[in-house]
N, C-alpha and C. Protein backbone atom coordinates (compact mmCIF):
# COMPACT_ATOMS: atom_id res chain seq x y z
N MET A 1 1.11 -0.78 0.29
CA MET A 1 0.08 0.23 0.24
C MET A 1 0.50 1.09 0.15
N SER A 2 0.41 2.69 -0.93
CA SER A 2 1.17 3.67 -0.58
C SER A 2 1.19 4.29 0.25
N LYS A 3 2.37 5.03 0.66
CA LYS A 3 2.25 5.70 1.84
C LYS A 3 1.04 6.88 1.25
N ASN A 4 0.85 7.39 0.92
CA ASN A 4 -0.47 8.24 0.78
C ASN A 4 -2.24 7.44 1.74
N LYS A 5 -2.47 6.15 0.71
CA LYS A 5 -3.47 5.36 0.81
C LYS A 5 -3.58 5.22 2.23
N THR A 6 -2.04 4.72 3.01
CA THR A 6 -1.76 4.70 4.94
C THR A 6 -2.42 5.92 5.17
N GLU A 7 -2.42 6.69 4.90
CA GLU A 7 -2.84 8.25 4.73
C GLU A 7 -3.97 8.26 5.69
N ILE A 8 -4.48 8.41 4.52
CA ILE A 8 -6.09 8.13 3.68
C ILE A 8 -6.93 7.44 4.68
N LEU A 9 -6.61 6.46 5.25
CA LEU A 9 -7.38 5.08 6.21
C LEU A 9 -6.66 5.57 7.63
N VAL A 10 -5.43 5.85 8.03
CA VAL A 10 -5.34 5.94 8.86
C VAL A 10 -6.13 7.69 10.11
N ASN A 11 -6.48 8.43 8.88
CA ASN A 11 -5.90 9.94 9.56
C ASN A 11 -7.29 10.36 8.62
N LYS A 12 -8.52 9.12 8.18
CA LYS A 12 -9.59 10.25 7.33
C LYS A 12 -10.73 9.25 8.03
N ASP A 13 -11.04 9.47 9.20
CA ASP A 13 -12.84 8.05 8.99
C ASP A 13 -13.25 8.87 9.42
N ILE A 14 -14.45 8.69 8.46
CA ILE A 14 -16.00 9.09 7.95
C ILE A 14 -17.18 8.39 8.81
N ARG A 15 -18.13 9.27 9.20
CA ARG A 15 -18.58 8.88 9.93
C ARG A 15 -20.28 7.95 8.81
N GLN A 16 -20.07 7.37 9.19
CA GLN A 16 -21.87 6.66 8.29
C GLN A 16 -23.07 6.26 9.71
N VAL A 17 -24.05 6.27 8.80
CA VAL A 17 -25.33 5.69 10.09
C VAL A 17 -26.07 4.06 9.53
N GLY A 18 -26.29 4.13 10.13
CA GLY A 18 -27.18 1.87 9.85
C GLY A 18 -28.11 1.89 10.35
N ALA A 19 -29.03 0.75 10.65
CA ALA A 19 -29.71 0.56 10.61
C ALA A 19 -30.22 -0.95 10.88
N LEU A 20 -30.11 -1.15 12.56
CA LEU A 20 -30.31 -2.31 12.90
C LEU A 20 -32.13 -2.68 12.61
N CYS A 21 -32.48 -2.93 11.55
CA CYS A 21 -33.64 -3.48 11.79
C CYS A 21 -34.63 -4.82 12.29
N PHE A 22 -34.98 -5.03 12.93
CA PHE A 22 -35.78 -5.61 13.91
C PHE A 22 -37.26 -6.49 13.97
N GLN A 23 -38.18 -7.31 14.54
CA GLN A 23 -38.97 -7.88 14.40
C GLN A 23 -39.34 -8.43 15.62
N ILE A 24 -40.28 -7.94 16.13
CA ILE A 24 -40.84 -9.28 17.70
C ILE A 24 -41.68 -9.77 16.73
N ILE A 25 -41.89 -11.47 16.56
CA ILE A 25 -43.40 -11.87 16.21
C ILE A 25 -43.89 -12.61 17.99
N PRO A 26 -44.72 -12.89 18.67
CA PRO A 26 -44.74 -13.27 19.55
C PRO A 26 -44.28 -14.65 19.63
N ASN A 27 -44.51 -15.59 20.96
CA ASN A 27 -44.00 -16.93 20.65
C ASN A 27 -42.59 -17.29 20.39
N GLU A 28 -41.43 -16.36 19.71
CA GLU A 28 -40.46 -16.91 18.65
C GLU A 28 -39.75 -16.03 19.04
N ASN A 29 -37.96 -15.24 19.02
CA ASN A 29 -37.35 -15.21 19.68
C ASN A 29 -37.27 -13.94 18.77
N PRO A 30 -36.80 -12.44 19.57
CA PRO A 30 -36.64 -11.58 17.94
C PRO A 30 -35.25 -12.00 15.95
N LYS A 31 -36.35 -11.12 16.11
CA LYS A 31 -34.90 -11.23 14.19
C LYS A 31 -34.54 -10.08 14.57
N VAL A 32 -33.26 -10.34 13.08
CA VAL A 32 -32.57 -9.02 13.22
C VAL A 32 -33.08 -8.86 11.59
N LEU A 33 -33.23 -7.96 11.06
CA LEU A 33 -33.39 -8.21 9.24
C LEU A 33 -31.55 -7.73 8.63
N LEU A 34 -30.62 -8.84 8.26
CA LEU A 34 -29.47 -8.21 7.46
C LEU A 34 -29.31 -8.23 5.91
N ILE A 35 -28.91 -7.49 5.15
CA ILE A 35 -28.77 -7.32 3.15
C ILE A 35 -26.85 -7.78 2.55
N THR A 36 -27.54 -8.20 2.03
CA THR A 36 -26.10 -8.27 1.18
C THR A 36 -25.58 -6.85 0.97
N SER A 37 -23.82 -7.41 1.14
CA SER A 37 -23.16 -5.88 0.63
C SER A 37 -23.12 -5.75 -0.89
N ARG A 38 -23.08 -4.89 -1.89
CA ARG A 38 -23.34 -4.84 -3.32
C ARG A 38 -22.38 -5.77 -3.79
N ARG A 39 -20.75 -5.58 -3.53
CA ARG A 39 -19.47 -5.57 -3.96
C ARG A 39 -19.34 -7.10 -3.70
N SER A 40 -19.40 -7.14 -1.98
CA SER A 40 -18.36 -8.84 -1.69
C SER A 40 -19.64 -9.37 -1.09
N GLN A 41 -21.20 -9.11 -1.59
CA GLN A 41 -22.45 -9.92 -1.18
C GLN A 41 -21.87 -10.44 0.48
N ARG A 42 -21.20 -9.44 1.08
CA ARG A 42 -21.18 -10.72 2.77
C ARG A 42 -22.11 -9.69 3.31
N TRP A 43 -22.52 -10.15 4.41
CA TRP A 43 -24.26 -9.87 5.06
C TRP A 43 -23.18 -8.67 5.91
N ILE A 44 -24.52 -7.42 6.03
CA ILE A 44 -24.80 -6.28 7.10
C ILE A 44 -26.16 -5.61 7.24
N ILE A 45 -25.59 -4.59 8.02
CA ILE A 45 -26.79 -3.92 8.15
C ILE A 45 -27.36 -3.15 7.11
N PRO A 46 -28.40 -2.61 6.66
CA PRO A 46 -28.27 -0.99 5.68
C PRO A 46 -27.94 -0.07 6.82
N LYS A 47 -27.02 0.60 5.32
CA LYS A 47 -26.63 1.82 6.00
C LYS A 47 -26.40 2.46 4.80
N GLY A 48 -25.54 3.93 5.29
CA GLY A 48 -25.82 5.06 4.87
C GLY A 48 -25.02 6.19 5.53
N TRP A 49 -24.35 7.34 4.60
CA TRP A 49 -23.80 8.38 4.49
C TRP A 49 -24.79 9.77 5.24
N PRO A 50 -24.93 10.05 6.43
CA PRO A 50 -24.78 11.37 7.39
C PRO A 50 -25.89 12.50 6.07
N ILE A 51 -26.80 12.70 6.01
CA ILE A 51 -27.44 13.40 5.44
C ILE A 51 -27.95 15.11 6.03
N LYS A 52 -26.92 16.16 5.65
CA LYS A 52 -27.29 16.94 6.15
C LYS A 52 -28.70 17.37 5.98
N GLY A 53 -28.86 17.74 8.26
CA GLY A 53 -30.73 18.51 7.99
C GLY A 53 -31.36 17.57 8.58
N LEU A 54 -31.05 15.74 8.72
CA LEU A 54 -31.35 14.91 8.26
C LEU A 54 -31.07 14.50 9.81
N LYS A 55 -32.34 14.16 10.87
CA LYS A 55 -31.33 13.36 12.01
C LYS A 55 -30.66 12.01 11.82
N SER A 56 -29.62 11.65 12.47
CA SER A 56 -29.18 9.97 12.03
C SER A 56 -30.74 9.02 12.21
N TYR A 57 -31.39 8.44 13.61
CA TYR A 57 -32.09 8.23 13.32
C TYR A 57 -33.22 7.95 11.63
N LYS A 58 -33.35 9.38 11.59
CA LYS A 58 -33.99 9.12 9.98
C LYS A 58 -33.28 8.80 8.69
N VAL A 59 -32.30 9.19 8.83
CA VAL A 59 -31.13 8.64 8.12
C VAL A 59 -31.22 6.73 7.71
N ALA A 60 -31.48 6.75 9.54
CA ALA A 60 -31.21 5.02 9.46
C ALA A 60 -32.43 4.50 8.74
N GLU A 61 -34.31 5.65 9.34
CA GLU A 61 -35.03 5.04 8.27
C GLU A 61 -35.15 4.45 6.68
N GLN A 62 -34.87 5.41 6.50
CA GLN A 62 -33.92 5.92 5.03
C GLN A 62 -33.50 4.68 3.78
N GLU A 63 -32.04 4.76 4.98
CA GLU A 63 -31.14 3.73 4.52
C GLU A 63 -31.83 2.33 4.55
N ALA A 64 -32.53 2.32 5.48
CA ALA A 64 -33.43 0.11 5.48
C ALA A 64 -34.38 0.67 4.17
N PHE A 65 -34.73 1.73 4.09
CA PHE A 65 -35.52 1.66 3.14
C PHE A 65 -35.71 1.45 2.14
N GLU A 66 -34.76 2.14 1.33
CA GLU A 66 -33.54 1.95 0.16
C GLU A 66 -33.06 0.76 0.09
N GLU A 67 -32.12 0.12 1.19
CA GLU A 67 -31.26 -0.98 1.22
C GLU A 67 -31.88 -2.50 1.42
N ALA A 68 -32.84 -1.92 2.15
CA ALA A 68 -33.92 -3.66 2.95
C ALA A 68 -34.76 -3.87 2.23
N GLY A 69 -35.55 -2.53 1.32
CA GLY A 69 -37.30 -2.21 1.17
C GLY A 69 -38.32 -2.43 2.83
N ALA A 70 -36.98 -2.48 3.75
CA ALA A 70 -37.90 -1.79 5.33
C ALA A 70 -38.54 -0.61 5.66
N SER A 71 -39.62 -0.28 6.41
CA SER A 71 -39.80 0.02 6.69
C SER A 71 -40.72 0.50 8.20
N GLY A 72 -40.65 1.45 8.83
CA GLY A 72 -40.99 0.97 10.13
C GLY A 72 -40.38 2.52 11.32
N THR A 73 -40.09 2.60 13.35
CA THR A 73 -40.20 3.66 13.14
C THR A 73 -38.07 3.11 14.41
N ALA A 74 -37.80 4.06 13.85
CA ALA A 74 -36.87 4.43 13.57
C ALA A 74 -36.62 5.14 16.02
N PHE A 75 -35.97 4.37 16.81
CA PHE A 75 -35.19 5.01 18.16
C PHE A 75 -33.95 6.14 17.51
N ASP A 76 -34.18 7.06 18.36
CA ASP A 76 -33.98 7.78 18.49
C ASP A 76 -32.82 7.86 19.49
N PHE A 77 -32.29 6.58 19.54
CA PHE A 77 -31.11 6.47 20.24
C PHE A 77 -29.80 5.14 19.81
N CYS A 78 -28.87 5.95 19.77
CA CYS A 78 -27.55 4.98 18.99
C CYS A 78 -27.06 3.69 20.11
N LEU A 79 -26.88 2.88 19.11
CA LEU A 79 -27.24 1.71 19.88
C LEU A 79 -25.59 1.15 20.57
N GLY A 80 -24.84 1.75 19.51
CA GLY A 80 -22.91 1.92 19.07
C GLY A 80 -22.42 2.55 18.17
N SER A 81 -21.62 1.83 18.23
CA SER A 81 -20.68 1.97 16.79
C SER A 81 -19.31 1.05 16.62
N TYR A 82 -19.31 0.67 14.78
CA TYR A 82 -18.49 -0.22 14.62
C TYR A 82 -18.26 0.68 13.50
N SER A 83 -16.37 -0.13 13.12
CA SER A 83 -15.83 0.26 12.13
C SER A 83 -15.55 -1.33 10.83
N TYR A 84 -15.18 -0.90 9.39
CA TYR A 84 -14.75 -1.15 8.85
C TYR A 84 -14.26 -0.63 7.50
N ILE A 85 -13.26 -1.24 6.74
CA ILE A 85 -12.49 -0.44 6.26
C ILE A 85 -13.04 -0.42 4.61
N LYS A 86 -13.58 0.51 3.43
CA LYS A 86 -14.46 0.14 3.51
C LYS A 86 -13.26 1.47 0.98
N LYS A 87 -13.70 0.44 0.15
CA LYS A 87 -12.11 0.97 -0.58
C LYS A 87 -13.67 2.38 -1.36
N LEU A 88 -12.55 3.07 -1.54
CA LEU A 88 -13.51 4.31 -2.34
C LEU A 88 -12.66 4.86 -3.51
N ASP A 89 -13.01 6.00 -4.19
CA ASP A 89 -12.08 5.86 -5.49
C ASP A 89 -10.97 6.72 -4.50
N GLN A 90 -10.68 7.08 -3.54
CA GLN A 90 -9.92 8.15 -2.66
C GLN A 90 -8.58 7.23 -2.30
N GLY A 91 -9.43 5.84 -2.35
CA GLY A 91 -8.40 5.13 -1.95
C GLY A 91 -9.47 4.26 -0.53
N LEU A 92 -8.40 3.45 0.26
CA LEU A 92 -9.36 3.66 1.51
C LEU A 92 -9.60 4.06 2.56
N ARG A 93 -10.67 3.88 3.43
CA ARG A 93 -11.01 5.13 3.91
C ARG A 93 -11.94 3.80 5.24
N LYS A 94 -11.43 4.13 6.82
CA LYS A 94 -12.36 3.40 8.10
C LYS A 94 -13.49 4.42 8.20
N CYS A 95 -14.54 3.30 8.16
CA CYS A 95 -15.82 4.45 8.48
C CYS A 95 -16.39 3.21 9.93
N VAL A 96 -17.66 4.67 10.51
CA VAL A 96 -17.54 4.31 11.52
C VAL A 96 -19.20 4.36 11.29
N VAL A 97 -19.24 3.67 11.83
CA VAL A 97 -21.08 3.45 11.04
C VAL A 97 -21.64 3.56 13.03
N TYR A 98 -22.76 4.48 13.38
CA TYR A 98 -23.47 4.65 14.40
C TYR A 98 -24.91 4.03 14.35
N VAL A 99 -25.18 2.59 14.77
CA VAL A 99 -26.10 2.16 14.38
C VAL A 99 -27.12 2.54 15.17
N TYR A 100 -28.84 2.01 14.69
CA TYR A 100 -29.17 2.91 15.89
C TYR A 100 -31.03 1.43 15.68
N PRO A 101 -31.59 1.52 16.31
CA PRO A 101 -32.50 0.43 15.92
C PRO A 101 -34.03 0.75 15.33
N LEU A 102 -34.53 -0.02 14.18
CA LEU A 102 -35.88 0.66 14.11
C LEU A 102 -36.00 -0.56 13.52
N LYS A 103 -37.78 -1.05 13.92
CA LYS A 103 -38.50 -1.98 14.53
C LYS A 103 -39.57 -1.86 13.26
N VAL A 104 -39.65 -2.93 12.37
CA VAL A 104 -39.84 -2.93 10.98
C VAL A 104 -41.19 -3.66 11.38
N GLU A 105 -42.03 -2.59 10.44
CA GLU A 105 -43.90 -2.52 10.36
C GLU A 105 -44.20 -3.09 8.97
N ASN A 106 -43.67 -3.15 8.04
CA ASN A 106 -43.26 -3.41 6.93
C ASN A 106 -42.63 -3.74 6.35
N LEU A 107 -42.70 -4.60 5.46
CA LEU A 107 -41.10 -4.68 4.01
C LEU A 107 -41.81 -4.99 2.96
N ILE A 108 -41.48 -4.93 2.31
CA ILE A 108 -41.88 -4.62 0.37
C ILE A 108 -40.98 -5.18 -0.66
N SER A 109 -40.91 -5.98 -1.16
CA SER A 109 -40.45 -6.94 -2.08
C SER A 109 -39.86 -5.87 -3.82
N ASP A 110 -40.47 -4.68 -3.83
CA ASP A 110 -39.48 -3.75 -4.71
C ASP A 110 -39.57 -2.55 -4.33
N TYR A 111 -39.09 -2.31 -3.71
CA TYR A 111 -38.15 -0.98 -3.69
C TYR A 111 -36.78 -1.10 -4.43
N ASP A 112 -35.65 0.57 -3.83
CA ASP A 112 -34.19 0.90 -5.29
C ASP A 112 -33.74 -0.32 -5.28
N GLU A 113 -32.96 -0.85 -4.23
CA GLU A 113 -31.79 -1.31 -4.99
C GLU A 113 -31.80 -3.38 -4.02
N ALA A 114 -33.77 -3.43 -5.10
CA ALA A 114 -33.83 -5.26 -4.57
C ALA A 114 -32.71 -6.40 -5.92
N HIS A 115 -32.67 -5.29 -6.07
CA HIS A 115 -32.20 -5.77 -7.33
C HIS A 115 -30.26 -6.62 -7.36
N GLU A 116 -29.77 -6.08 -6.30
CA GLU A 116 -28.53 -5.96 -5.84
C GLU A 116 -28.25 -5.96 -5.41
N ARG A 117 -29.01 -6.47 -4.19
CA ARG A 117 -29.10 -6.76 -2.54
C ARG A 117 -30.17 -8.54 -2.38
N SER A 118 -29.42 -9.32 -1.74
CA SER A 118 -30.59 -10.29 -0.90
C SER A 118 -30.68 -9.52 0.52
N ARG A 119 -31.86 -10.14 1.54
CA ARG A 119 -32.09 -9.85 2.64
C ARG A 119 -33.00 -11.15 2.98
N LYS A 120 -32.66 -10.86 4.16
CA LYS A 120 -33.20 -12.29 5.04
C LYS A 120 -33.55 -12.11 6.93
N TRP A 121 -33.82 -13.01 7.07
CA TRP A 121 -34.60 -12.41 8.30
C TRP A 121 -33.67 -13.51 9.84
N VAL A 122 -32.69 -13.48 10.43
CA VAL A 122 -32.54 -14.41 11.18
C VAL A 122 -32.38 -13.60 13.13
N ASN A 123 -32.64 -15.23 13.93
CA ASN A 123 -32.46 -14.64 14.76
C ASN A 123 -31.21 -13.52 15.21
N ILE A 124 -31.14 -13.64 17.10
CA ILE A 124 -29.78 -12.77 16.54
C ILE A 124 -28.14 -13.50 16.98
N SER A 125 -28.42 -14.87 16.73
CA SER A 125 -27.36 -15.63 17.45
C SER A 125 -26.70 -16.10 16.08
N ASN A 126 -27.84 -16.11 15.18
CA ASN A 126 -27.29 -16.31 13.70
C ASN A 126 -27.00 -15.30 12.96
N ALA A 127 -27.19 -13.67 13.23
CA ALA A 127 -26.93 -12.82 12.28
C ALA A 127 -25.02 -12.82 13.01
N THR A 128 -25.00 -13.04 14.58
CA THR A 128 -23.58 -12.54 15.35
C THR A 128 -22.51 -13.59 13.97
N GLU A 129 -22.94 -15.10 14.08
CA GLU A 129 -22.24 -16.00 13.23
C GLU A 129 -21.75 -15.35 11.82
N LEU A 130 -23.29 -14.80 11.36
CA LEU A 130 -23.13 -14.47 9.07
C LEU A 130 -21.91 -13.05 9.26
N LEU A 131 -22.00 -11.55 10.14
CA LEU A 131 -21.44 -11.02 10.36
C LEU A 131 -20.30 -11.16 10.05
N SER A 132 -19.38 -10.21 9.68
CA SER A 132 -17.75 -9.49 9.65
C SER A 132 -17.38 -9.04 10.67
N GLU A 133 -18.41 -8.44 10.88
CA GLU A 133 -17.56 -7.00 11.83
C GLU A 133 -17.43 -7.33 13.13
N PRO A 134 -16.57 -7.53 14.15
CA PRO A 134 -16.26 -7.13 15.47
C PRO A 134 -17.08 -6.84 16.50
N GLU A 135 -17.06 -5.81 16.13
CA GLU A 135 -17.90 -4.79 17.35
C GLU A 135 -19.41 -4.59 16.31
N LEU A 136 -20.09 -5.05 15.38
CA LEU A 136 -21.20 -5.13 14.87
C LEU A 136 -22.00 -6.22 15.46
N LYS A 137 -20.36 -7.26 15.77
CA LYS A 137 -21.92 -8.61 16.52
C LYS A 137 -21.58 -8.43 17.79
N ASP A 138 -20.53 -7.55 18.54
CA ASP A 138 -20.74 -6.85 20.16
C ASP A 138 -22.51 -6.48 20.14
N ILE A 139 -22.58 -5.01 19.62
CA ILE A 139 -23.86 -4.67 19.86
C ILE A 139 -25.13 -5.18 19.59
N LEU A 140 -24.89 -6.74 18.70
CA LEU A 140 -25.88 -7.54 18.33
C LEU A 140 -25.76 -8.30 19.58
N LYS A 141 -24.43 -8.94 20.34
CA LYS A 141 -24.60 -9.94 21.98
C LYS A 141 -25.83 -8.88 23.33
N ASN A 142 -25.41 -7.74 22.33
CA ASN A 142 -26.36 -6.56 23.94
C ASN A 142 -27.49 -6.22 23.20
N PHE A 143 -27.86 -6.39 22.16
CA PHE A 143 -29.67 -5.57 22.37
C PHE A 143 -30.08 -6.59 22.71
N LYS A 144 -30.90 -6.21 23.52
CA LYS A 144 -31.72 -6.29 23.82
C LYS A 144 -33.93 -5.60 23.07
N PRO A 145 -34.31 -6.07 21.96
CA PRO A 145 -34.72 -5.45 21.32
C PRO A 145 -36.70 -4.74 22.28
N LYS A 146 -36.49 -6.27 22.90
CA LYS A 146 -37.98 -6.33 24.10
C LYS A 146 -38.25 -5.26 25.33
N LEU A 147 -37.15 -4.54 25.56
CA LEU A 147 -36.34 -4.41 26.45
C LEU A 147 -36.74 -2.45 26.11
N LEU A 148 -36.29 -2.67 24.25
CA LEU A 148 -36.48 -1.19 23.70
C LEU A 148 -37.83 -0.95 23.70
N LEU A 149 -38.81 -1.13 23.18
CA LEU A 149 -40.92 -1.14 23.21
C LEU A 149 -40.50 -0.68 24.53
N ASN A 150 -40.31 -0.14 25.86
CA ASN A 150 -41.03 0.35 26.07
C ASN A 150 -39.65 1.51 26.69
N ALA A 151 -38.96 1.85 26.18
CA ALA A 151 -38.04 2.85 26.11
C ALA A 151 -38.00 4.39 25.74
N LYS A 152 -38.21 5.14 26.38
CA LYS A 152 -39.06 6.50 26.02
C LYS A 152 -38.43 7.24 23.92
N TYR A 153 -37.85 6.53 24.08
CA TYR A 153 -36.68 6.87 22.84
C TYR A 153 -37.51 6.49 21.55
N LEU A 154 -38.86 5.85 21.88
CA LEU A 154 -39.59 5.30 20.97
C LEU A 154 -40.46 6.37 20.26
N ARG A 155 -40.17 7.14 18.97
CA ARG A 155 -40.82 8.45 18.46
C ARG A 155 -42.69 8.13 18.49
N GLN A 156 -43.27 8.88 18.70
CA GLN A 156 -45.00 9.07 18.63
C GLN A 156 -44.94 9.30 17.43
């Protein structure tokens, strides 16, 4: 790797917003919705760039809809963050993704990125096996969606 790309990787973290989409079905374990990345087809959560003038949880809602066809209610509460390395035109960049929970109320089949991604519902323990990012796995291991439903952070 060239010196310039190393500097970009080390010195230029960039921020993203992610949606941890979940559902609770009576008498079942909570499930989370995973999607595949466009390039490598590895399992990830919906995520994207911040949008000026839009609160992070609203960006999470938008990304969930565009990338997974999921709509619902996002919580105004960050569960944590994880990092990964992204290849951009200017080189490798460390992205830090701030994760917001989103209770899915509707899932459509005809969404913006349906032809580029797969999606599937999995229980939390299976999700941790499918994901690559250790920090995201930690967020999932500590995720208690049933407790969140009673939280004051849920928008009405």
